[in-house]
Each structure stands twice: as C-alpha cells, then as structure tokens.
Amino acid sequence: MLEINFLVIAGAALIPLLLGFFWYHDKVFGKAWMREADMTPEKIAGGNMILIFGLSYIFSFFIGLVLMQ
C-alpha cells in the first residue's frame, strides 16, 4: 500500500499554473497566443479568473494524485 503525501501533490499541482503564468506572459508568447486565439484583453477580463485558476489547480491536483499511484 502506498502512502500518499498530499503536501507534495499540492505543491506539484502549482507547477502547471506557474508555467502557464510565464508561458502566456506578454513578453514570452502572450501576444502571439492572443492574436492566434482571437482573444482581446476585454475578453480575458470578462472571465471568472478565480473559477478558471481554481479548477485548473484542482484538476492538476487530481492528475498528480492519479499519477502517483
């Protein structure tokens, strides 16, 4: 039986969010992504960021939990 370390999984679930913050930054690929995805700052501001990032974190946590076993 495996022992589950939830603290490690919770920390690892932050990695995709941090990578996304850097990847979609304006100085990296953010402007190209916005142009190709037909996004505008107004469309982005209209989204529920707490819901988007919260669900992303929860799903990353579940992926880490499944991959650990």
Protein backbone atom coordinates (compact mmCIF):
# COMPACT_ATOMS: atom_id res chain seq x y z
CA MET A 1 0.00 0.00 0.00
CA LEU A 2 1.37 3.40 -0.98
CA GLU A 3 1.49 6.23 1.46
CA ILE A 4 0.08 9.41 -0.10
CA ASN A 5 1.87 12.67 0.66
CA PHE A 6 -0.81 15.28 -0.03
CA LEU A 7 1.52 18.19 0.68
CA VAL A 8 3.88 17.15 -2.11
CA ILE A 9 1.00 16.65 -4.53
CA ALA A 10 -0.45 20.06 -3.59
CA GLY A 11 2.92 21.67 -4.27
CA ALA A 12 3.34 19.82 -7.55
CA ALA A 13 -0.13 20.97 -8.65
CA LEU A 14 1.16 24.55 -8.60
CA ILE A 15 3.78 23.84 -11.28
CA PRO A 16 1.39 23.93 -14.29
CA LEU A 17 -0.05 27.24 -13.04
CA LEU A 18 3.40 28.77 -12.65
CA LEU A 19 4.49 27.55 -16.08
CA GLY A 20 1.30 28.98 -17.58
CA PHE A 21 1.90 32.36 -15.96
CA PHE A 22 5.31 32.56 -17.61
CA TRP A 23 4.30 30.98 -20.94
CA TYR A 24 1.33 33.30 -21.55
CA HIS A 25 3.11 36.46 -20.37
CA ASP A 26 3.15 39.27 -22.95
CA LYS A 27 6.93 39.19 -23.21
CA VAL A 28 7.07 35.45 -23.93
CA PHE A 29 4.18 34.09 -26.05
CA GLY A 30 1.22 36.06 -24.70
CA LYS A 31 0.80 38.44 -27.63
CA ALA A 32 1.16 35.66 -30.21
CA TRP A 33 -1.32 33.49 -28.28
CA MET A 34 -3.86 36.31 -28.05
CA ARG A 35 -3.55 37.04 -31.77
CA GLU A 36 -3.91 33.37 -32.83
CA ALA A 37 -6.73 32.60 -30.37
CA ASP A 38 -8.59 35.78 -31.38
CA MET A 39 -8.53 36.98 -27.78
CA THR A 40 -8.62 40.55 -26.57
CA PRO A 41 -7.88 41.98 -23.13
CA GLU A 42 -11.61 42.68 -22.80
CA LYS A 43 -12.48 39.01 -23.37
CA ILE A 44 -9.87 37.92 -20.86
CA ALA A 45 -11.06 40.42 -18.25
CA GLY A 46 -14.61 39.12 -18.67
CA GLY A 47 -13.63 35.63 -17.49
CA ASN A 48 -14.01 34.39 -13.93
CA MET A 49 -10.33 34.04 -13.01
CA ILE A 50 -10.96 32.52 -9.58
CA LEU A 51 -13.05 29.75 -11.14
CA ILE A 52 -10.60 29.18 -14.01
CA PHE A 53 -7.47 29.00 -11.85
CA GLY A 54 -9.25 27.17 -9.04
CA LEU A 55 -10.46 24.40 -11.33
CA SER A 56 -7.07 24.23 -13.02
CA TYR A 57 -5.42 23.73 -9.64
CA ILE A 58 -7.95 21.09 -8.55
CA PHE A 59 -7.57 19.17 -11.81
CA SER A 60 -3.77 19.36 -11.55
CA PHE A 61 -4.05 18.01 -8.01
CA PHE A 62 -6.17 15.08 -9.20
CA ILE A 63 -3.75 14.35 -12.04
CA GLY A 64 -0.88 14.28 -9.55
CA LEU A 65 -2.87 12.01 -7.26
CA VAL A 66 -3.64 9.55 -10.06
CA LEU A 67 -0.11 9.59 -11.48
CA MET A 68 1.38 8.94 -8.05
CA GLN A 69 -0.39 5.61 -7.79
